[in-house]
N, C-alpha and C. Protein backbone atom coordinates (compact mmCIF):
# COMPACT_ATOMS: atom_id res chain seq x y z
N MET A 1 -10.08 33.96 14.89
CA MET A 1 -10.38 33.22 13.81
C MET A 1 -9.53 32.18 13.35
N LEU A 2 -8.16 32.53 13.22
CA LEU A 2 -7.27 31.38 12.79
C LEU A 2 -7.30 30.46 13.96
N ARG A 3 -7.42 30.69 15.30
CA ARG A 3 -7.31 29.58 16.37
C ARG A 3 -8.70 28.75 16.01
N SER A 4 -9.62 29.18 15.74
CA SER A 4 -10.98 28.51 15.50
C SER A 4 -10.64 27.61 14.37
N ILE A 5 -9.99 27.94 13.26
CA ILE A 5 -9.78 27.22 12.14
C ILE A 5 -8.92 25.97 12.52
N ILE A 6 -7.77 26.23 13.25
CA ILE A 6 -6.71 25.23 13.58
C ILE A 6 -7.44 24.12 14.54
N LEU A 7 -8.28 24.73 15.47
CA LEU A 7 -9.13 23.79 16.41
C LEU A 7 -10.04 22.93 15.73
N THR A 8 -10.71 23.45 14.51
CA THR A 8 -11.57 22.72 13.67
C THR A 8 -10.84 21.67 13.01
N ILE A 9 -9.69 22.03 12.36
CA ILE A 9 -8.77 21.01 11.61
C ILE A 9 -8.43 19.79 12.65
N PHE A 10 -7.98 20.29 13.94
CA PHE A 10 -7.65 19.27 14.85
C PHE A 10 -8.66 18.28 15.29
N ILE A 11 -9.78 18.87 15.59
CA ILE A 11 -10.94 18.08 15.87
C ILE A 11 -11.24 17.12 14.70
N THR A 12 -11.43 17.46 13.37
CA THR A 12 -11.63 16.77 12.24
C THR A 12 -10.66 15.55 12.05
N SER A 13 -9.40 15.95 12.24
CA SER A 13 -8.35 14.89 12.07
C SER A 13 -8.40 13.91 13.24
N SER A 14 -8.67 14.63 14.31
CA SER A 14 -8.55 13.58 15.54
C SER A 14 -9.79 12.55 15.37
N SER A 15 -10.87 13.04 14.85
CA SER A 15 -11.96 12.20 14.85
C SER A 15 -11.79 10.88 13.79
N PHE A 16 -10.97 11.28 12.81
CA PHE A 16 -10.58 10.14 11.88
C PHE A 16 -9.57 9.33 12.56
N VAL A 17 -8.66 9.76 13.37
CA VAL A 17 -7.68 8.97 14.14
C VAL A 17 -8.29 8.11 15.05
N LEU A 18 -9.34 8.55 15.86
CA LEU A 18 -10.07 7.76 16.65
C LEU A 18 -10.85 6.64 16.01
N ALA A 19 -11.43 7.07 14.81
CA ALA A 19 -12.14 5.97 14.15
C ALA A 19 -11.31 4.93 13.48
N ALA A 20 -10.17 5.38 13.13
CA ALA A 20 -9.06 4.52 12.28
C ALA A 20 -8.37 3.68 13.24
N GLU A 21 -8.30 3.90 14.56
CA GLU A 21 -7.51 2.98 15.52
C GLU A 21 -7.61 1.64 15.34
N ASN A 22 -8.95 1.14 15.13
CA ASN A 22 -9.19 -0.16 15.01
C ASN A 22 -9.23 -0.69 13.62
N ILE A 23 -8.71 -0.02 12.70
CA ILE A 23 -8.31 -0.75 11.38
C ILE A 23 -7.29 -1.62 11.45
N GLN A 24 -7.81 -3.01 10.96
CA GLN A 24 -6.79 -3.93 11.02
C GLN A 24 -5.81 -4.10 9.91
N HIS A 25 -4.56 -4.45 10.19
CA HIS A 25 -3.42 -4.62 9.37
C HIS A 25 -3.89 -5.41 7.95
N GLU A 26 -4.60 -6.37 8.08
CA GLU A 26 -5.10 -7.03 6.83
C GLU A 26 -5.91 -6.17 6.01
N SER A 27 -6.74 -5.34 6.47
CA SER A 27 -7.61 -4.37 5.64
C SER A 27 -6.79 -3.46 4.93
N VAL A 28 -5.71 -2.91 5.56
CA VAL A 28 -4.83 -1.89 4.86
C VAL A 28 -4.06 -2.74 3.74
N ILE A 29 -3.70 -4.03 3.81
CA ILE A 29 -3.04 -4.72 2.86
C ILE A 29 -3.86 -4.90 1.82
N ILE A 30 -5.24 -5.23 2.02
CA ILE A 30 -6.34 -5.39 1.07
C ILE A 30 -6.46 -4.14 0.20
N PHE A 31 -6.57 -3.05 1.06
CA PHE A 31 -6.95 -1.71 0.33
C PHE A 31 -5.74 -1.30 -0.45
N ASN A 32 -4.51 -1.44 -0.11
CA ASN A 32 -3.48 -0.91 -0.70
C ASN A 32 -2.98 -1.89 -2.08
N THR A 33 -3.44 -3.06 -2.02
CA THR A 33 -3.27 -4.00 -3.13
C THR A 33 -4.23 -4.07 -4.18
N SER A 34 -5.45 -3.72 -3.73
CA SER A 34 -6.74 -3.84 -4.63
C SER A 34 -7.40 -2.31 -4.93
N CYS A 35 -7.81 -1.79 -3.90
CA CYS A 35 -8.55 -0.38 -3.87
C CYS A 35 -7.89 0.53 -4.66
N THR A 36 -6.58 0.87 -4.20
CA THR A 36 -5.85 2.01 -4.50
C THR A 36 -5.60 2.02 -5.98
N ARG A 37 -5.62 0.98 -6.66
CA ARG A 37 -5.37 0.92 -8.20
C ARG A 37 -6.29 1.95 -8.93
N CYS A 38 -7.43 1.82 -8.46
CA CYS A 38 -8.47 2.62 -9.09
C CYS A 38 -8.62 4.02 -8.44
N HIS A 39 -8.42 4.20 -7.22
CA HIS A 39 -8.66 5.22 -6.47
C HIS A 39 -7.51 6.23 -6.02
N GLU A 40 -6.32 5.93 -6.48
CA GLU A 40 -5.19 6.76 -6.27
C GLU A 40 -5.25 8.03 -6.88
N GLY A 41 -5.16 9.07 -6.22
CA GLY A 41 -5.23 10.36 -6.78
C GLY A 41 -6.52 11.20 -6.66
N GLU A 42 -7.64 10.44 -6.03
CA GLU A 42 -8.93 10.93 -5.90
C GLU A 42 -8.94 11.71 -4.63
N CYS A 43 -8.17 12.75 -4.54
CA CYS A 43 -8.12 13.46 -3.20
C CYS A 43 -9.36 14.48 -3.17
N SER A 44 -9.39 15.11 -1.98
CA SER A 44 -10.52 16.15 -1.65
C SER A 44 -11.97 15.46 -1.64
N GLY A 45 -12.12 14.21 -1.39
CA GLY A 45 -13.40 13.75 -1.42
C GLY A 45 -14.36 13.79 -2.65
N ARG A 46 -13.65 13.73 -3.86
CA ARG A 46 -14.44 13.97 -5.06
C ARG A 46 -15.40 12.95 -5.61
N MET A 47 -15.40 11.63 -4.90
CA MET A 47 -16.34 10.68 -5.60
C MET A 47 -17.26 10.03 -4.57
N THR A 48 -16.75 9.07 -3.95
CA THR A 48 -17.79 8.18 -3.14
C THR A 48 -18.58 9.07 -2.05
N PHE A 49 -17.89 10.01 -1.46
CA PHE A 49 -18.66 10.68 -0.47
C PHE A 49 -19.69 11.80 -0.68
N HIS A 50 -19.99 11.68 -1.94
CA HIS A 50 -21.28 12.38 -2.44
C HIS A 50 -22.35 11.42 -2.58
N LEU A 51 -22.03 10.24 -2.44
CA LEU A 51 -22.98 8.94 -2.40
C LEU A 51 -23.38 8.57 -0.95
N PRO A 52 -24.45 7.97 -0.69
CA PRO A 52 -24.87 7.38 0.70
C PRO A 52 -23.68 6.26 0.76
N LYS A 53 -23.49 6.04 2.20
CA LYS A 53 -22.60 5.11 2.51
C LYS A 53 -23.03 3.72 2.14
N SER A 54 -24.20 3.50 1.96
CA SER A 54 -24.77 2.13 1.41
C SER A 54 -24.28 1.89 0.01
N ALA A 55 -24.28 2.94 -0.84
CA ALA A 55 -23.79 2.80 -2.18
C ALA A 55 -22.16 2.67 -2.19
N ALA A 56 -21.41 3.18 -1.40
CA ALA A 56 -20.04 2.78 -1.24
C ALA A 56 -19.90 1.48 -0.86
N ASP A 57 -20.62 0.82 0.39
CA ASP A 57 -20.54 -0.46 0.71
C ASP A 57 -20.88 -1.40 -0.50
N GLN A 58 -21.80 -1.22 -1.30
CA GLN A 58 -22.12 -2.00 -2.40
C GLN A 58 -21.05 -2.06 -3.38
N HIS A 59 -20.21 -0.84 -3.59
CA HIS A 59 -19.18 -0.90 -4.55
C HIS A 59 -18.04 -1.71 -3.95
N ILE A 60 -17.81 -1.48 -2.80
CA ILE A 60 -16.62 -2.37 -2.11
C ILE A 60 -16.81 -3.78 -2.08
N ARG A 61 -18.10 -4.13 -1.74
CA ARG A 61 -18.52 -5.63 -1.93
C ARG A 61 -18.52 -6.03 -3.60
N ARG A 62 -18.84 -5.35 -4.48
CA ARG A 62 -18.96 -5.86 -5.74
C ARG A 62 -17.42 -6.09 -6.19
N HIS A 63 -16.56 -5.15 -5.87
CA HIS A 63 -15.09 -5.23 -6.28
C HIS A 63 -14.25 -6.01 -5.20
N GLY A 64 -14.54 -6.23 -4.06
CA GLY A 64 -13.88 -6.75 -3.02
C GLY A 64 -14.31 -8.27 -2.74
N GLY A 65 -15.32 -8.78 -3.28
CA GLY A 65 -15.87 -10.19 -2.98
C GLY A 65 -16.45 -10.15 -1.67
N GLU A 66 -16.42 -11.47 -1.10
CA GLU A 66 -17.02 -11.86 0.15
C GLU A 66 -16.16 -11.12 1.30
N LEU A 67 -16.59 -10.08 1.86
CA LEU A 67 -15.84 -9.50 2.97
C LEU A 67 -16.80 -9.35 4.37
N THR A 68 -16.21 -9.36 5.36
CA THR A 68 -17.10 -9.26 6.53
C THR A 68 -17.48 -7.66 6.76
N LEU A 69 -18.42 -7.65 7.46
CA LEU A 69 -19.11 -6.12 7.59
C LEU A 69 -17.89 -5.26 8.18
N GLU A 70 -17.15 -5.75 9.07
CA GLU A 70 -16.00 -4.97 9.78
C GLU A 70 -14.89 -4.61 8.74
N THR A 71 -14.64 -5.42 7.76
CA THR A 71 -13.47 -5.22 6.75
C THR A 71 -14.15 -4.10 5.86
N THR A 72 -15.43 -4.27 5.51
CA THR A 72 -15.99 -3.34 4.46
C THR A 72 -15.99 -2.03 5.10
N GLN A 73 -16.44 -1.76 6.38
CA GLN A 73 -16.35 -0.58 6.95
C GLN A 73 -14.96 -0.09 7.15
N GLN A 74 -13.95 -0.82 7.37
CA GLN A 74 -12.59 -0.43 7.45
C GLN A 74 -11.96 0.16 5.96
N LEU A 75 -12.48 -0.65 4.90
CA LEU A 75 -12.05 -0.20 3.67
C LEU A 75 -12.76 1.11 3.30
N PHE A 76 -13.87 1.25 3.72
CA PHE A 76 -14.54 2.71 3.61
C PHE A 76 -13.75 3.68 4.25
N GLU A 77 -13.27 3.46 5.53
CA GLU A 77 -12.58 4.48 6.28
C GLU A 77 -11.11 4.63 5.55
N LEU A 78 -10.46 3.62 5.06
CA LEU A 78 -9.30 3.85 4.39
C LEU A 78 -9.52 4.66 3.10
N LEU A 79 -10.57 4.38 2.52
CA LEU A 79 -10.87 5.29 1.05
C LEU A 79 -11.05 6.66 1.56
N ARG A 80 -11.73 6.91 2.72
CA ARG A 80 -11.91 8.27 3.00
C ARG A 80 -10.56 8.91 3.46
N TYR A 81 -9.74 8.18 4.32
CA TYR A 81 -8.50 8.79 4.47
C TYR A 81 -7.60 9.06 3.31
N MET A 82 -7.71 8.22 2.31
CA MET A 82 -6.80 8.49 1.04
C MET A 82 -7.17 9.70 0.36
N LYS A 83 -8.65 9.81 0.21
CA LYS A 83 -9.15 10.94 -0.50
C LYS A 83 -8.77 12.35 0.25
N GLU A 84 -8.97 12.30 1.53
CA GLU A 84 -8.76 13.58 2.31
C GLU A 84 -7.33 13.89 2.57
N GLU A 85 -6.47 12.79 2.83
CA GLU A 85 -5.09 13.02 3.08
C GLU A 85 -4.23 12.90 1.86
N CYS A 86 -4.63 12.35 0.84
CA CYS A 86 -3.88 12.23 -0.49
C CYS A 86 -2.59 11.41 -0.21
N SER A 87 -2.66 10.34 0.56
CA SER A 87 -1.53 9.47 0.89
C SER A 87 -1.96 8.24 1.41
N PHE A 88 -1.11 7.27 1.27
CA PHE A 88 -1.42 5.90 1.97
C PHE A 88 -1.57 5.93 3.39
N TYR A 89 -2.39 5.20 3.99
CA TYR A 89 -2.76 5.22 5.48
C TYR A 89 -1.46 4.72 6.09
N PRO A 90 -1.03 5.26 7.13
CA PRO A 90 0.28 4.80 7.77
C PRO A 90 0.00 3.71 8.89
N PHE A 91 0.00 2.55 8.30
CA PHE A 91 -0.12 1.31 9.09
C PHE A 91 1.03 0.82 9.92
N SER A 92 0.76 0.24 10.98
CA SER A 92 1.79 -0.25 11.91
C SER A 92 2.54 -1.31 11.66
N VAL A 93 3.63 -1.19 10.84
CA VAL A 93 4.42 -2.32 10.53
C VAL A 93 5.85 -1.69 10.78
N SER A 94 6.67 -2.52 11.42
CA SER A 94 8.24 -2.04 11.65
C SER A 94 8.97 -2.34 10.41
N LEU A 95 9.73 -1.50 10.02
CA LEU A 95 10.65 -1.59 8.79
C LEU A 95 11.77 -2.73 9.28
N ALA A 96 11.95 -3.45 8.16
CA ALA A 96 13.03 -4.65 8.41
C ALA A 96 14.31 -4.00 8.73
N LYS A 97 14.91 -4.78 9.79
CA LYS A 97 16.34 -4.36 10.07
C LYS A 97 17.12 -4.82 8.86
N ASP A 98 18.26 -3.89 8.59
CA ASP A 98 19.06 -3.90 7.51
C ASP A 98 18.45 -4.07 6.11
N ARG A 99 17.08 -3.57 6.09
CA ARG A 99 16.42 -3.61 4.77
C ARG A 99 16.16 -5.04 4.25
N ILE A 100 16.23 -6.11 5.07
CA ILE A 100 15.88 -7.33 4.63
C ILE A 100 14.55 -8.00 5.36
N TRP A 101 13.66 -8.45 4.44
CA TRP A 101 12.51 -8.95 4.90
C TRP A 101 12.43 -10.57 4.62
N ASP A 102 12.20 -11.21 5.60
CA ASP A 102 12.38 -12.78 5.55
C ASP A 102 10.82 -13.27 5.24
N SER A 103 10.54 -14.44 5.10
CA SER A 103 9.26 -14.98 4.91
C SER A 103 8.18 -14.72 5.76
N ASN A 104 8.72 -14.71 7.18
CA ASN A 104 7.54 -14.36 8.28
C ASN A 104 7.24 -13.05 8.08
N GLU A 105 8.17 -12.16 7.95
CA GLU A 105 7.61 -10.52 7.69
C GLU A 105 6.77 -10.38 6.56
N LEU A 106 7.16 -11.06 5.44
CA LEU A 106 6.51 -10.93 4.21
C LEU A 106 5.12 -11.45 4.37
N GLY A 107 4.90 -12.63 5.14
CA GLY A 107 3.62 -13.04 5.18
C GLY A 107 2.43 -12.14 5.73
N LYS A 108 3.09 -11.07 6.63
CA LYS A 108 2.26 -10.07 7.23
C LYS A 108 1.92 -9.09 6.24
N LEU A 109 2.62 -8.96 5.10
CA LEU A 109 2.45 -8.05 4.09
C LEU A 109 1.66 -8.49 2.77
N GLN A 110 1.11 -9.72 3.02
CA GLN A 110 0.66 -10.41 1.78
C GLN A 110 -0.99 -10.36 1.79
N HIS A 111 -1.57 -10.09 0.75
CA HIS A 111 -2.85 -10.20 0.35
C HIS A 111 -3.52 -11.53 0.90
N PRO A 112 -4.68 -11.63 1.45
CA PRO A 112 -5.34 -12.92 1.96
C PRO A 112 -5.28 -13.87 0.69
N SER A 113 -5.50 -13.47 -0.37
CA SER A 113 -5.68 -14.41 -1.72
C SER A 113 -4.41 -14.92 -1.96
N ASN A 114 -3.24 -14.42 -1.44
CA ASN A 114 -1.79 -14.76 -1.83
C ASN A 114 -1.39 -14.35 -3.31
N LEU A 115 -2.14 -13.43 -3.80
CA LEU A 115 -1.93 -12.91 -5.12
C LEU A 115 -1.32 -11.49 -5.15
N ALA A 116 -0.97 -10.95 -3.87
CA ALA A 116 -0.34 -9.56 -3.90
C ALA A 116 0.53 -9.48 -2.59
N TYR A 117 1.34 -8.36 -2.86
CA TYR A 117 2.03 -7.84 -1.41
C TYR A 117 2.22 -6.31 -1.57
N PHE A 118 2.15 -5.91 -0.47
CA PHE A 118 2.40 -4.31 -0.16
C PHE A 118 3.27 -4.09 0.84
N LEU A 119 4.51 -3.57 0.31
CA LEU A 119 5.71 -3.58 1.31
C LEU A 119 6.17 -2.02 1.53
N PRO A 120 6.00 -1.67 2.70
CA PRO A 120 6.55 -0.16 2.77
C PRO A 120 8.23 -0.25 2.98
N LEU A 121 8.81 0.41 2.13
CA LEU A 121 10.31 0.49 1.96
C LEU A 121 11.04 1.43 2.95
N GLY A 122 10.17 2.36 3.65
CA GLY A 122 10.65 3.41 4.36
C GLY A 122 10.99 4.59 3.64
N ARG A 123 11.53 5.68 4.35
CA ARG A 123 11.82 6.82 3.84
C ARG A 123 13.23 6.80 3.24
N LEU A 124 13.39 6.94 2.05
CA LEU A 124 14.58 6.70 1.21
C LEU A 124 15.14 7.95 0.69
N GLU A 125 16.35 8.08 0.80
CA GLU A 125 17.17 9.22 0.28
C GLU A 125 17.21 9.15 -1.15
N PRO A 126 17.40 10.21 -1.97
CA PRO A 126 17.51 10.04 -3.28
C PRO A 126 18.81 9.37 -3.74
N GLY A 127 18.58 8.55 -4.81
CA GLY A 127 19.53 7.67 -5.16
C GLY A 127 19.23 6.32 -6.16
N VAL A 128 20.00 5.54 -6.25
CA VAL A 128 19.61 4.23 -7.12
C VAL A 128 19.63 3.24 -6.13
N TYR A 129 18.60 2.41 -6.27
CA TYR A 129 18.31 1.31 -5.27
C TYR A 129 18.09 -0.02 -6.06
N GLU A 130 18.59 -1.06 -5.61
CA GLU A 130 18.26 -2.37 -6.16
C GLU A 130 17.46 -3.25 -5.14
N LEU A 131 16.27 -4.04 -5.76
CA LEU A 131 15.65 -4.88 -4.70
C LEU A 131 15.88 -6.37 -5.29
N GLN A 132 16.38 -7.14 -4.35
CA GLN A 132 16.47 -8.54 -4.67
C GLN A 132 15.31 -9.41 -4.11
N LEU A 133 14.54 -10.12 -4.99
CA LEU A 133 13.47 -10.87 -4.55
C LEU A 133 13.56 -12.29 -4.80
N GLU A 134 13.44 -12.99 -3.75
CA GLU A 134 13.57 -14.46 -3.69
C GLU A 134 12.23 -15.14 -3.73
N GLY A 135 11.86 -16.03 -4.67
CA GLY A 135 10.49 -16.75 -4.57
C GLY A 135 9.51 -16.11 -5.59
N LEU A 136 9.91 -15.02 -6.46
CA LEU A 136 9.04 -14.53 -7.46
C LEU A 136 9.16 -15.36 -8.61
N ASP A 137 8.35 -16.22 -9.05
CA ASP A 137 8.55 -17.07 -10.22
C ASP A 137 8.34 -16.39 -11.51
N ASP A 138 9.37 -16.38 -12.29
CA ASP A 138 9.49 -15.43 -13.56
C ASP A 138 8.46 -16.05 -14.69
N ASN A 139 7.93 -17.30 -14.43
CA ASN A 139 6.99 -17.57 -15.48
C ASN A 139 5.68 -17.24 -15.07
N ALA A 140 5.38 -16.81 -13.90
CA ALA A 140 3.99 -16.39 -13.42
C ALA A 140 3.98 -14.89 -13.99
N SER A 141 2.66 -14.64 -14.32
CA SER A 141 2.54 -13.21 -14.84
C SER A 141 2.13 -12.24 -13.61
N HIS A 142 3.24 -11.33 -13.36
CA HIS A 142 3.08 -10.54 -12.15
C HIS A 142 3.51 -8.98 -12.77
N CYS A 143 2.84 -8.13 -11.81
CA CYS A 143 3.22 -6.75 -12.01
C CYS A 143 3.94 -6.18 -10.77
N THR A 144 5.13 -5.52 -10.98
CA THR A 144 5.80 -4.81 -9.76
C THR A 144 5.92 -3.53 -9.89
N GLU A 145 5.49 -2.78 -8.96
CA GLU A 145 5.32 -1.25 -8.90
C GLU A 145 6.15 -0.72 -7.68
N ILE A 146 6.80 0.46 -7.98
CA ILE A 146 7.38 1.39 -6.84
C ILE A 146 6.51 2.63 -6.92
N ILE A 147 5.99 2.97 -5.64
CA ILE A 147 5.25 4.14 -5.48
C ILE A 147 5.77 4.97 -4.28
N ASN A 148 5.50 6.24 -4.50
CA ASN A 148 5.89 6.86 -3.32
C ASN A 148 4.60 7.43 -2.62
N ASN A 149 4.78 8.07 -1.47
CA ASN A 149 3.62 8.38 -0.74
C ASN A 149 2.51 9.34 -1.25
N GLU A 150 3.02 9.99 -2.47
CA GLU A 150 2.21 10.88 -3.16
C GLU A 150 1.61 10.23 -4.43
N PHE A 151 1.70 8.92 -4.54
CA PHE A 151 1.08 8.13 -5.70
C PHE A 151 1.86 8.45 -6.82
N ASP A 152 3.22 8.76 -7.07
CA ASP A 152 3.94 8.84 -8.08
C ASP A 152 4.61 7.51 -8.38
N TYR A 153 4.60 7.07 -9.59
CA TYR A 153 5.21 5.65 -9.88
C TYR A 153 6.64 5.90 -10.50
N TYR A 154 7.50 4.92 -10.16
CA TYR A 154 8.86 5.01 -10.54
C TYR A 154 9.32 3.87 -11.40
N ASP A 155 9.91 4.06 -12.52
CA ASP A 155 10.48 3.16 -13.56
C ASP A 155 11.34 2.14 -12.88
N ILE A 156 11.01 0.78 -13.15
CA ILE A 156 11.82 -0.15 -12.69
C ILE A 156 12.60 -0.99 -13.76
N GLU A 157 13.93 -1.12 -13.73
CA GLU A 157 14.63 -1.82 -14.64
C GLU A 157 14.96 -3.34 -14.07
N LYS A 158 14.61 -4.22 -14.92
CA LYS A 158 14.90 -5.69 -14.42
C LYS A 158 16.28 -5.97 -14.87
N LEU A 159 17.11 -6.26 -13.69
CA LEU A 159 18.49 -6.50 -13.93
C LEU A 159 18.71 -8.11 -14.39
N ASN A 160 18.11 -8.77 -13.66
CA ASN A 160 18.37 -10.31 -13.92
C ASN A 160 17.04 -11.08 -13.30
N CYS A 161 16.70 -12.24 -13.91
CA CYS A 161 15.77 -13.07 -13.53
C CYS A 161 16.42 -14.59 -13.35
N GLY A 162 17.04 -14.65 -12.32
CA GLY A 162 17.54 -16.10 -12.10
C GLY A 162 16.41 -16.96 -11.69
N SER A 163 16.94 -18.27 -11.47
CA SER A 163 16.07 -19.26 -10.98
C SER A 163 15.54 -18.93 -9.69
N LYS A 164 16.37 -18.18 -8.88
CA LYS A 164 15.89 -18.10 -7.44
C LYS A 164 15.72 -16.65 -7.03
N ILE A 165 16.53 -15.87 -7.53
CA ILE A 165 16.53 -14.30 -7.30
C ILE A 165 16.05 -13.39 -8.52
N THR A 166 15.18 -12.52 -8.28
CA THR A 166 14.86 -11.58 -9.37
C THR A 166 15.43 -10.12 -8.76
N SER A 167 16.28 -9.56 -9.66
CA SER A 167 16.76 -8.22 -9.28
C SER A 167 16.31 -7.06 -9.94
N LEU A 168 15.73 -6.23 -9.24
CA LEU A 168 15.06 -4.91 -9.86
C LEU A 168 15.78 -3.70 -9.42
N GLN A 169 15.85 -2.70 -10.40
CA GLN A 169 16.48 -1.38 -9.95
C GLN A 169 15.56 -0.16 -10.23
N PHE A 170 15.60 0.79 -9.34
CA PHE A 170 14.83 1.93 -9.47
C PHE A 170 15.63 3.13 -8.80
N GLN A 171 15.31 4.34 -9.27
CA GLN A 171 15.91 5.52 -8.67
C GLN A 171 14.85 6.44 -8.04
N ALA A 172 15.20 6.64 -6.83
CA ALA A 172 14.39 7.62 -5.88
C ALA A 172 14.72 9.08 -6.19
N ASP A 173 13.72 9.90 -6.74
CA ASP A 173 14.33 11.21 -7.04
C ASP A 173 14.19 12.21 -5.87
N ILE A 174 13.42 12.00 -4.87
CA ILE A 174 13.26 12.77 -3.74
C ILE A 174 13.29 11.96 -2.44
N CYS A 175 13.52 12.61 -1.14
CA CYS A 175 13.42 12.05 -0.04
C CYS A 175 11.96 11.86 0.28
N GLU A 176 11.43 10.68 0.34
CA GLU A 176 10.04 10.25 0.64
C GLU A 176 9.82 8.97 1.11
N GLU A 177 8.68 8.46 1.48
CA GLU A 177 8.39 7.22 1.73
C GLU A 177 8.06 6.46 0.50
N TYR A 178 8.45 5.24 0.32
CA TYR A 178 8.44 4.52 -0.87
C TYR A 178 7.71 3.20 -0.43
N TYR A 179 7.15 2.65 -1.51
CA TYR A 179 6.35 1.24 -1.24
C TYR A 179 6.61 0.47 -2.51
N LEU A 180 6.69 -0.96 -2.29
CA LEU A 180 6.79 -1.86 -3.27
C LEU A 180 5.41 -2.50 -3.32
N ARG A 181 4.68 -2.63 -4.42
CA ARG A 181 3.47 -3.31 -4.65
C ARG A 181 3.72 -4.52 -5.88
N ILE A 182 3.39 -5.82 -5.39
CA ILE A 182 3.41 -6.87 -6.28
C ILE A 182 2.07 -7.45 -6.38
N SER A 183 1.69 -7.61 -7.69
CA SER A 183 0.35 -8.39 -7.78
C SER A 183 0.64 -9.56 -8.97
N SER A 184 0.01 -10.66 -8.74
CA SER A 184 0.30 -11.84 -9.66
C SER A 184 -1.11 -12.44 -10.10
N ARG A 185 -1.13 -12.95 -11.14
CA ARG A 185 -2.31 -13.97 -11.63
C ARG A 185 -2.34 -15.19 -10.84
N LYS A 186 -1.26 -15.75 -10.49
CA LYS A 186 -1.13 -16.94 -9.78
C LYS A 186 -0.67 -16.73 -8.26
N PRO A 187 -1.00 -17.58 -7.39
CA PRO A 187 -0.42 -17.48 -6.04
C PRO A 187 1.11 -17.36 -5.98
N VAL A 188 1.56 -16.34 -5.20
CA VAL A 188 3.01 -16.19 -5.21
C VAL A 188 3.39 -16.22 -3.61
N SER A 189 4.61 -16.66 -3.20
CA SER A 189 4.94 -16.86 -2.00
C SER A 189 6.44 -16.53 -1.91
N LEU A 190 6.71 -15.07 -1.52
CA LEU A 190 8.09 -14.66 -1.51
C LEU A 190 8.79 -15.14 -0.25
N LYS A 191 9.92 -15.44 -0.39
CA LYS A 191 10.97 -16.03 0.70
C LYS A 191 11.74 -14.90 1.37
N ARG A 192 12.04 -13.89 0.48
CA ARG A 192 13.08 -12.84 0.97
C ARG A 192 13.07 -11.88 0.05
N ILE A 193 13.30 -10.59 0.63
CA ILE A 193 13.48 -9.35 -0.13
C ILE A 193 14.55 -8.60 0.48
N GLU A 194 15.47 -8.00 -0.32
CA GLU A 194 16.48 -7.30 0.27
C GLU A 194 16.57 -5.87 -0.51
N LEU A 195 16.70 -4.89 0.05
CA LEU A 195 16.67 -3.63 -0.45
C LEU A 195 18.23 -3.00 -0.25
N ILE A 196 18.88 -2.80 -1.44
CA ILE A 196 20.34 -2.18 -1.34
C ILE A 196 20.30 -0.95 -2.01
N GLY A 197 21.05 -0.06 -1.27
CA GLY A 197 21.13 1.27 -1.71
C GLY A 197 21.78 2.42 -0.82
N PRO A 198 21.79 3.62 -1.05
CA PRO A 198 22.25 4.57 -0.28
C PRO A 198 21.88 4.64 1.39
């Protein structure tokens, strides 16, 4: 009995992995900067999957704007993953060496609209961390969030807002994967981010 349950779980999770292998990096960034704001915490398939896929596609197009059919399908798969696994989709991006991201690396983590970024900070040990962001215009209205893989939000203290560098501080309570999400009302182009901490 237990063996058949384990086999069923493996087959189910394997089918998602096979379906998700073709999910593009850009779709993951779009999903994590736009869709997750409303759908974080909706685990166990409580919403969209009671509707036909066509209704989910309409929802995605209504909130996502002009998207290709392929992107729409990928966003649907990402929503399904988040609801079933209760975590962010593990997309393939290498963590920055020495916890420093330059403009080339940051460009890969930017929403196509240039209004948002989603940056995996990696698995962090408990402690106090400082983020130094270069290129974040303090005059532009923006929202900066630190989130862990279980969708818990962390308080951020703004240490300084210089003309070139904005310094933010947060405390990681548990050893977990952490993410930085930045959204802005105006296009933003980050030049460099450095994470300092334990």
